[in-house]
Amino acid sequence: MRKPMLREGAIFALLLIALSLLLHPDLLSDPGTRLSQMTGRGNYLHPLVYTLLVYLVVLLLRGVIRLFARFFRRSGSAD
């Protein structure tokens, strides 16, 4: 139980970092300014909400791919 939770947590964290850097490239050059902008606007949770939405899409795609793989694996072994 612990290993899948760590794997999914790592996937979520990597998505969070990737989305943050893709949407706000200034995080690499001047993170203090970005943090002060977030503080001024009070939008602390929006990165987590957007990452959760993308994570759910990725989770759905992984499930569909797993379902197709299982379907083709079963149909190939019947021959």
PDB file of N, CA and C in Angstrom:
ATOM      1  N   MET A   1       0.814  -1.184   0.000  1.00  0.00           N
ATOM      2  CA  MET A   1       0.000   0.000   0.000  1.00  0.00           C
ATOM      3  C   MET A   1       0.865   1.258   0.000  1.00  0.00           C
ATOM      4  N   ARG A   2       1.996   1.168   0.665  1.00  0.00           N
ATOM      5  CA  ARG A   2       2.839   2.339   0.781  1.00  0.00           C
ATOM      6  C   ARG A   2       3.524   2.682  -0.545  1.00  0.00           C
ATOM      7  N   LYS A   3       3.948   1.643  -1.289  1.00  0.00           N
ATOM      8  CA  LYS A   3       4.671   1.866  -2.540  1.00  0.00           C
ATOM      9  C   LYS A   3       3.803   2.562  -3.594  1.00  0.00           C
ATOM     10  N   PRO A   4       2.553   2.136  -3.825  1.00  0.00           N
ATOM     11  CA  PRO A   4       1.713   2.859  -4.792  1.00  0.00           C
ATOM     12  C   PRO A   4       1.424   4.298  -4.369  1.00  0.00           C
ATOM     13  N   MET A   5       1.265   4.523  -3.072  1.00  0.00           N
ATOM     14  CA  MET A   5       1.006   5.884  -2.590  1.00  0.00           C
ATOM     15  C   MET A   5       2.215   6.780  -2.836  1.00  0.00           C
ATOM     16  N   LEU A   6       3.412   6.251  -2.620  1.00  0.00           N
ATOM     17  CA  LEU A   6       4.618   7.028  -2.881  1.00  0.00           C
ATOM     18  C   LEU A   6       4.769   7.314  -4.378  1.00  0.00           C
ATOM     19  N   ARG A   7       4.450   6.318  -5.220  1.00  0.00           N
ATOM     20  CA  ARG A   7       4.542   6.498  -6.663  1.00  0.00           C
ATOM     21  C   ARG A   7       3.558   7.571  -7.134  1.00  0.00           C
ATOM     22  N   GLU A   8       2.321   7.514  -6.657  1.00  0.00           N
ATOM     23  CA  GLU A   8       1.323   8.503  -7.069  1.00  0.00           C
ATOM     24  C   GLU A   8       1.670   9.880  -6.516  1.00  0.00           C
ATOM     25  N   GLY A   9       2.208   9.934  -5.327  1.00  0.00           N
ATOM     26  CA  GLY A   9       2.663  11.213  -4.764  1.00  0.00           C
ATOM     27  C   GLY A   9       3.801  11.805  -5.574  1.00  0.00           C
ATOM     28  N   ALA A  10       4.710  10.961  -6.032  1.00  0.00           N
ATOM     29  CA  ALA A  10       5.815  11.438  -6.871  1.00  0.00           C
ATOM     30  C   ALA A  10       5.301  11.929  -8.219  1.00  0.00           C
ATOM     31  N   ILE A  11       4.322  11.230  -8.793  1.00  0.00           N
ATOM     32  CA  ILE A  11       3.745  11.675 -10.060  1.00  0.00           C
ATOM     33  C   ILE A  11       3.074  13.032  -9.877  1.00  0.00           C
ATOM     34  N   PHE A  12       2.327  13.199  -8.779  1.00  0.00           N
ATOM     35  CA  PHE A  12       1.661  14.470  -8.510  1.00  0.00           C
ATOM     36  C   PHE A  12       2.686  15.591  -8.329  1.00  0.00           C
ATOM     37  N   ALA A  13       3.744  15.308  -7.581  1.00  0.00           N
ATOM     38  CA  ALA A  13       4.773  16.321  -7.341  1.00  0.00           C
ATOM     39  C   ALA A  13       5.482  16.706  -8.638  1.00  0.00           C
ATOM     40  N   LEU A  14       5.784  15.720  -9.478  1.00  0.00           N
ATOM     41  CA  LEU A  14       6.430  16.024 -10.757  1.00  0.00           C
ATOM     42  C   LEU A  14       5.511  16.834 -11.666  1.00  0.00           C
ATOM     43  N   LEU A  15       4.225  16.510 -11.657  1.00  0.00           N
ATOM     44  CA  LEU A  15       3.268  17.311 -12.419  1.00  0.00           C
ATOM     45  C   LEU A  15       3.201  18.737 -11.895  1.00  0.00           C
ATOM     46  N   LEU A  16       3.207  18.888 -10.580  1.00  0.00           N
ATOM     47  CA  LEU A  16       3.163  20.216  -9.975  1.00  0.00           C
ATOM     48  C   LEU A  16       4.375  21.053 -10.384  1.00  0.00           C
ATOM     49  N   ILE A  17       5.541  20.451 -10.322  1.00  0.00           N
ATOM     50  CA  ILE A  17       6.767  21.163 -10.691  1.00  0.00           C
ATOM     51  C   ILE A  17       6.777  21.487 -12.179  1.00  0.00           C
ATOM     52  N   ALA A  18       6.411  20.506 -13.009  1.00  0.00           N
ATOM     53  CA  ALA A  18       6.426  20.730 -14.459  1.00  0.00           C
ATOM     54  C   ALA A  18       5.420  21.802 -14.863  1.00  0.00           C
ATOM     55  N   LEU A  19       4.219  21.735 -14.332  1.00  0.00           N
ATOM     56  CA  LEU A  19       3.215  22.746 -14.680  1.00  0.00           C
ATOM     57  C   LEU A  19       3.622  24.121 -14.181  1.00  0.00           C
ATOM     58  N   SER A  20       4.194  24.177 -12.987  1.00  0.00           N
ATOM     59  CA  SER A  20       4.638  25.467 -12.445  1.00  0.00           C
ATOM     60  C   SER A  20       5.707  26.106 -13.323  1.00  0.00           C
ATOM     61  N   LEU A  21       6.654  25.293 -13.758  1.00  0.00           N
ATOM     62  CA  LEU A  21       7.736  25.831 -14.575  1.00  0.00           C
ATOM     63  C   LEU A  21       7.278  26.152 -16.001  1.00  0.00           C
ATOM     64  N   LEU A  22       6.312  25.384 -16.513  1.00  0.00           N
ATOM     65  CA  LEU A  22       5.799  25.678 -17.850  1.00  0.00           C
ATOM     66  C   LEU A  22       4.955  26.947 -17.866  1.00  0.00           C
ATOM     67  N   LEU A  23       4.152  27.142 -16.836  1.00  0.00           N
ATOM     68  CA  LEU A  23       3.268  28.303 -16.805  1.00  0.00           C
ATOM     69  C   LEU A  23       3.964  29.565 -16.294  1.00  0.00           C
ATOM     70  N   HIS A  24       4.966  29.388 -15.459  1.00  0.00           N
ATOM     71  CA  HIS A  24       5.679  30.522 -14.879  1.00  0.00           C
ATOM     72  C   HIS A  24       7.190  30.314 -14.997  1.00  0.00           C
ATOM     73  N   PRO A  25       7.754  30.556 -16.181  1.00  0.00           N
ATOM     74  CA  PRO A  25       9.199  30.325 -16.340  1.00  0.00           C
ATOM     75  C   PRO A  25      10.051  31.263 -15.478  1.00  0.00           C
ATOM     76  N   ASP A  26       9.470  32.350 -14.980  1.00  0.00           N
ATOM     77  CA  ASP A  26      10.227  33.250 -14.124  1.00  0.00           C
ATOM     78  C   ASP A  26      10.517  32.645 -12.751  1.00  0.00           C
ATOM     79  N   LEU A  27       9.956  31.490 -12.448  1.00  0.00           N
ATOM     80  CA  LEU A  27      10.269  30.829 -11.181  1.00  0.00           C
ATOM     81  C   LEU A  27      11.746  30.441 -11.094  1.00  0.00           C
ATOM     82  N   LEU A  28      12.355  30.174 -12.231  1.00  0.00           N
ATOM     83  CA  LEU A  28      13.775  29.809 -12.228  1.00  0.00           C
ATOM     84  C   LEU A  28      14.670  31.024 -12.035  1.00  0.00           C
ATOM     85  N   SER A  29      14.271  32.157 -12.589  1.00  0.00           N
ATOM     86  CA  SER A  29      15.130  33.336 -12.516  1.00  0.00           C
ATOM     87  C   SER A  29      14.836  34.219 -11.306  1.00  0.00           C
ATOM     88  N   ASP A  30      13.551  34.345 -10.924  1.00  0.00           N
ATOM     89  CA  ASP A  30      13.208  35.238  -9.817  1.00  0.00           C
ATOM     90  C   ASP A  30      12.019  34.691  -9.032  1.00  0.00           C
ATOM     91  N   PRO A  31      12.238  33.664  -8.215  1.00  0.00           N
ATOM     92  CA  PRO A  31      11.117  33.061  -7.489  1.00  0.00           C
ATOM     93  C   PRO A  31      10.528  33.969  -6.408  1.00  0.00           C
ATOM     94  N   GLY A  32      11.324  34.870  -5.884  1.00  0.00           N
ATOM     95  CA  GLY A  32      10.831  35.778  -4.846  1.00  0.00           C
ATOM     96  C   GLY A  32       9.727  36.687  -5.341  1.00  0.00           C
ATOM     97  N   THR A  33       9.872  37.169  -6.565  1.00  0.00           N
ATOM     98  CA  THR A  33       8.845  38.027  -7.153  1.00  0.00           C
ATOM     99  C   THR A  33       7.559  37.244  -7.352  1.00  0.00           C
ATOM    100  N   ARG A  34       7.665  36.025  -7.831  1.00  0.00           N
ATOM    101  CA  ARG A  34       6.463  35.204  -8.042  1.00  0.00           C
ATOM    102  C   ARG A  34       5.776  34.925  -6.711  1.00  0.00           C
ATOM    103  N   LEU A  35       6.550  34.645  -5.666  1.00  0.00           N
ATOM    104  CA  LEU A  35       5.974  34.376  -4.348  1.00  0.00           C
ATOM    105  C   LEU A  35       5.290  35.620  -3.792  1.00  0.00           C
ATOM    106  N   SER A  36       5.893  36.769  -3.987  1.00  0.00           N
ATOM    107  CA  SER A  36       5.261  38.000  -3.501  1.00  0.00           C
ATOM    108  C   SER A  36       3.985  38.314  -4.279  1.00  0.00           C
ATOM    109  N   GLN A  37       3.936  37.978  -5.571  1.00  0.00           N
ATOM    110  CA  GLN A  37       2.705  38.155  -6.335  1.00  0.00           C
ATOM    111  C   GLN A  37       1.608  37.230  -5.822  1.00  0.00           C
ATOM    112  N   MET A  38       1.959  35.984  -5.508  1.00  0.00           N
ATOM    113  CA  MET A  38       0.976  35.052  -4.953  1.00  0.00           C
ATOM    114  C   MET A  38       0.489  35.533  -3.591  1.00  0.00           C
ATOM    115  N   THR A  39       1.402  36.084  -2.786  1.00  0.00           N
ATOM    116  CA  THR A  39       1.031  36.584  -1.474  1.00  0.00           C
ATOM    117  C   THR A  39       0.084  37.768  -1.603  1.00  0.00           C
ATOM    118  N   GLY A  40       0.383  38.657  -2.537  1.00  0.00           N
ATOM    119  CA  GLY A  40      -0.453  39.837  -2.732  1.00  0.00           C
ATOM    120  C   GLY A  40      -1.853  39.498  -3.211  1.00  0.00           C
ATOM    121  N   ARG A  41      -1.967  38.496  -4.039  1.00  0.00           N
ATOM    122  CA  ARG A  41      -3.272  38.112  -4.583  1.00  0.00           C
ATOM    123  C   ARG A  41      -3.992  37.085  -3.715  1.00  0.00           C
ATOM    124  N   GLY A  42      -3.265  36.403  -2.848  1.00  0.00           N
ATOM    125  CA  GLY A  42      -3.866  35.407  -1.969  1.00  0.00           C
ATOM    126  C   GLY A  42      -4.290  34.138  -2.686  1.00  0.00           C
ATOM    127  N   ASN A  43      -3.654  33.827  -3.789  1.00  0.00           N
ATOM    128  CA  ASN A  43      -4.030  32.617  -4.535  1.00  0.00           C
ATOM    129  C   ASN A  43      -2.994  31.516  -4.318  1.00  0.00           C
ATOM    130  N   TYR A  44      -3.005  30.964  -3.119  1.00  0.00           N
ATOM    131  CA  TYR A  44      -2.042  29.937  -2.767  1.00  0.00           C
ATOM    132  C   TYR A  44      -2.428  28.557  -3.292  1.00  0.00           C
ATOM    133  N   LEU A  45      -3.709  28.300  -3.426  1.00  0.00           N
ATOM    134  CA  LEU A  45      -4.156  26.950  -3.750  1.00  0.00           C
ATOM    135  C   LEU A  45      -4.319  26.687  -5.235  1.00  0.00           C
ATOM    136  N   HIS A  46      -4.245  27.704  -6.082  1.00  0.00           N
ATOM    137  CA  HIS A  46      -4.508  27.466  -7.509  1.00  0.00           C
ATOM    138  C   HIS A  46      -3.517  26.506  -8.152  1.00  0.00           C
ATOM    139  N   PRO A  47      -2.250  26.465  -7.765  1.00  0.00           N
ATOM    140  CA  PRO A  47      -1.371  25.456  -8.376  1.00  0.00           C
ATOM    141  C   PRO A  47      -1.804  24.030  -8.036  1.00  0.00           C
ATOM    142  N   LEU A  48      -2.282  23.829  -6.825  1.00  0.00           N
ATOM    143  CA  LEU A  48      -2.718  22.494  -6.425  1.00  0.00           C
ATOM    144  C   LEU A  48      -4.008  22.086  -7.133  1.00  0.00           C
ATOM    145  N   VAL A  49      -4.914  23.047  -7.329  1.00  0.00           N
ATOM    146  CA  VAL A  49      -6.176  22.742  -8.017  1.00  0.00           C
ATOM    147  C   VAL A  49      -5.903  22.378  -9.471  1.00  0.00           C
ATOM    148  N   TYR A  50      -5.086  23.172 -10.157  1.00  0.00           N
ATOM    149  CA  TYR A  50      -4.782  22.888 -11.564  1.00  0.00           C
ATOM    150  C   TYR A  50      -4.019  21.572 -11.708  1.00  0.00           C
ATOM    151  N   THR A  51      -3.098  21.314 -10.796  1.00  0.00           N
ATOM    152  CA  THR A  51      -2.351  20.065 -10.839  1.00  0.00           C
ATOM    153  C   THR A  51      -3.276  18.875 -10.585  1.00  0.00           C
ATOM    154  N   LEU A  52      -4.222  19.034  -9.675  1.00  0.00           N
ATOM    155  CA  LEU A  52      -5.176  17.961  -9.414  1.00  0.00           C
ATOM    156  C   LEU A  52      -6.007  17.657 -10.660  1.00  0.00           C
ATOM    157  N   LEU A  53      -6.432  18.696 -11.372  1.00  0.00           N
ATOM    158  CA  LEU A  53      -7.201  18.470 -12.598  1.00  0.00           C
ATOM    159  C   LEU A  53      -6.375  17.730 -13.649  1.00  0.00           C
ATOM    160  N   VAL A  54      -5.135  18.140 -13.851  1.00  0.00           N
ATOM    161  CA  VAL A  54      -4.261  17.471 -14.821  1.00  0.00           C
ATOM    162  C   VAL A  54      -3.954  16.047 -14.350  1.00  0.00           C
ATOM    163  N   TYR A  55      -3.747  15.862 -13.047  1.00  0.00           N
ATOM    164  CA  TYR A  55      -3.479  14.530 -12.505  1.00  0.00           C
ATOM    165  C   TYR A  55      -4.661  13.598 -12.751  1.00  0.00           C
ATOM    166  N   LEU A  56      -5.881  14.097 -12.581  1.00  0.00           N
ATOM    167  CA  LEU A  56      -7.054  13.261 -12.829  1.00  0.00           C
ATOM    168  C   LEU A  56      -7.160  12.859 -14.290  1.00  0.00           C
ATOM    169  N   VAL A  57      -6.806  13.767 -15.199  1.00  0.00           N
ATOM    170  CA  VAL A  57      -6.807  13.434 -16.627  1.00  0.00           C
ATOM    171  C   VAL A  57      -5.750  12.371 -16.917  1.00  0.00           C
ATOM    172  N   VAL A  58      -4.569  12.543 -16.352  1.00  0.00           N
ATOM    173  CA  VAL A  58      -3.490  11.563 -16.539  1.00  0.00           C
ATOM    174  C   VAL A  58      -3.892  10.219 -15.948  1.00  0.00           C
ATOM    175  N   LEU A  59      -4.534  10.233 -14.787  1.00  0.00           N
ATOM    176  CA  LEU A  59      -4.988   8.996 -14.157  1.00  0.00           C
ATOM    177  C   LEU A  59      -6.031   8.297 -15.031  1.00  0.00           C
ATOM    178  N   LEU A  60      -6.928   9.057 -15.611  1.00  0.00           N
ATOM    179  CA  LEU A  60      -7.932   8.482 -16.509  1.00  0.00           C
ATOM    180  C   LEU A  60      -7.278   7.861 -17.738  1.00  0.00           C
ATOM    181  N   LEU A  61      -6.317   8.572 -18.332  1.00  0.00           N
ATOM    182  CA  LEU A  61      -5.612   8.041 -19.494  1.00  0.00           C
ATOM    183  C   LEU A  61      -4.834   6.774 -19.145  1.00  0.00           C
ATOM    184  N   ARG A  62      -4.192   6.753 -17.984  1.00  0.00           N
ATOM    185  CA  ARG A  62      -3.478   5.553 -17.560  1.00  0.00           C
ATOM    186  C   ARG A  62      -4.433   4.381 -17.384  1.00  0.00           C
ATOM    187  N   GLY A  63      -5.625   4.632 -16.844  1.00  0.00           N
ATOM    188  CA  GLY A  63      -6.609   3.581 -16.680  1.00  0.00           C
ATOM    189  C   GLY A  63      -7.106   3.036 -18.006  1.00  0.00           C
ATOM    190  N   VAL A  64      -7.339   3.927 -18.973  1.00  0.00           N
ATOM    191  CA  VAL A  64      -7.798   3.491 -20.291  1.00  0.00           C
ATOM    192  C   VAL A  64      -6.711   2.674 -20.981  1.00  0.00           C
ATOM    193  N   ILE A  65      -5.484   3.120 -20.901  1.00  0.00           N
ATOM    194  CA  ILE A  65      -4.370   2.381 -21.512  1.00  0.00           C
ATOM    195  C   ILE A  65      -4.224   1.019 -20.854  1.00  0.00           C
ATOM    196  N   ARG A  66      -4.348   0.965 -19.528  1.00  0.00           N
ATOM    197  CA  ARG A  66      -4.247  -0.310 -18.816  1.00  0.00           C
ATOM    198  C   ARG A  66      -5.381  -1.247 -19.219  1.00  0.00           C
ATOM    199  N   LEU A  67      -6.580  -0.695 -19.401  1.00  0.00           N
ATOM    200  CA  LEU A  67      -7.725  -1.495 -19.814  1.00  0.00           C
ATOM    201  C   LEU A  67      -7.518  -2.066 -21.214  1.00  0.00           C
ATOM    202  N   PHE A  68      -7.040  -1.237 -22.160  1.00  0.00           N
ATOM    203  CA  PHE A  68      -6.761  -1.720 -23.507  1.00  0.00           C
ATOM    204  C   PHE A  68      -5.650  -2.759 -23.508  1.00  0.00           C
ATOM    205  N   ALA A  69      -4.624  -2.547 -22.707  1.00  0.00           N
ATOM    206  CA  ALA A  69      -3.526  -3.513 -22.641  1.00  0.00           C
ATOM    207  C   ALA A  69      -4.021  -4.845 -22.107  1.00  0.00           C
ATOM    208  N   ARG A  70      -4.872  -4.818 -21.119  1.00  0.00           N
ATOM    209  CA  ARG A  70      -5.427  -6.048 -20.562  1.00  0.00           C
ATOM    210  C   ARG A  70      -6.326  -6.744 -21.586  1.00  0.00           C
ATOM    211  N   PHE A  71      -7.095  -5.973 -22.325  1.00  0.00           N
ATOM    212  CA  PHE A  71      -7.977  -6.537 -23.347  1.00  0.00           C
ATOM    213  C   PHE A  71      -7.178  -7.226 -24.441  1.00  0.00           C
ATOM    214  N   PHE A  72      -6.129  -6.561 -24.935  1.00  0.00           N
ATOM    215  CA  PHE A  72      -5.336  -7.140 -26.010  1.00  0.00           C
ATOM    216  C   PHE A  72      -4.481  -8.307 -25.518  1.00  0.00           C
ATOM    217  N   ARG A  73      -4.077  -8.289 -24.284  1.00  0.00           N
ATOM    218  CA  ARG A  73      -3.307  -9.396 -23.726  1.00  0.00           C
ATOM    219  C   ARG A  73      -4.169 -10.645 -23.618  1.00  0.00           C
ATOM    220  N   ARG A  74      -5.428 -10.479 -23.234  1.00  0.00           N
ATOM    221  CA  ARG A  74      -6.338 -11.627 -23.121  1.00  0.00           C
ATOM    222  C   ARG A  74      -6.722 -12.177 -24.484  1.00  0.00           C
ATOM    223  N   SER A  75      -6.995 -11.272 -25.440  1.00  0.00           N
ATOM    224  CA  SER A  75      -7.430 -11.743 -26.765  1.00  0.00           C
ATOM    225  C   SER A  75      -6.268 -12.402 -27.506  1.00  0.00           C
ATOM    226  N   GLY A  76      -5.036 -11.989 -27.261  1.00  0.00           N
ATOM    227  CA  GLY A  76      -3.889 -12.604 -27.921  1.00  0.00           C
ATOM    228  C   GLY A  76      -3.566 -13.969 -27.362  1.00  0.00           C
ATOM    229  N   SER A  77      -3.829 -14.214 -26.088  1.00  0.00           N
ATOM    230  CA  SER A  77      -3.513 -15.509 -25.493  1.00  0.00           C
ATOM    231  C   SER A  77      -4.561 -16.561 -25.818  1.00  0.00           C
ATOM    232  N   ALA A  78      -5.754 -16.155 -26.277  1.00  0.00           N
ATOM    233  CA  ALA A  78      -6.818 -17.116 -26.608  1.00  0.00           C
ATOM    234  C   ALA A  78      -6.535 -17.842 -27.921  1.00  0.00           C
ATOM    235  N   ASP A  79      -5.729 -17.285 -28.802  1.00  0.00           N
ATOM    236  CA  ASP A  79      -5.436 -17.925 -30.102  1.00  0.00           C
ATOM    237  C   ASP A  79      -4.467 -19.064 -29.982  1.00  0.00           C
TER     238      ASP A  79
END
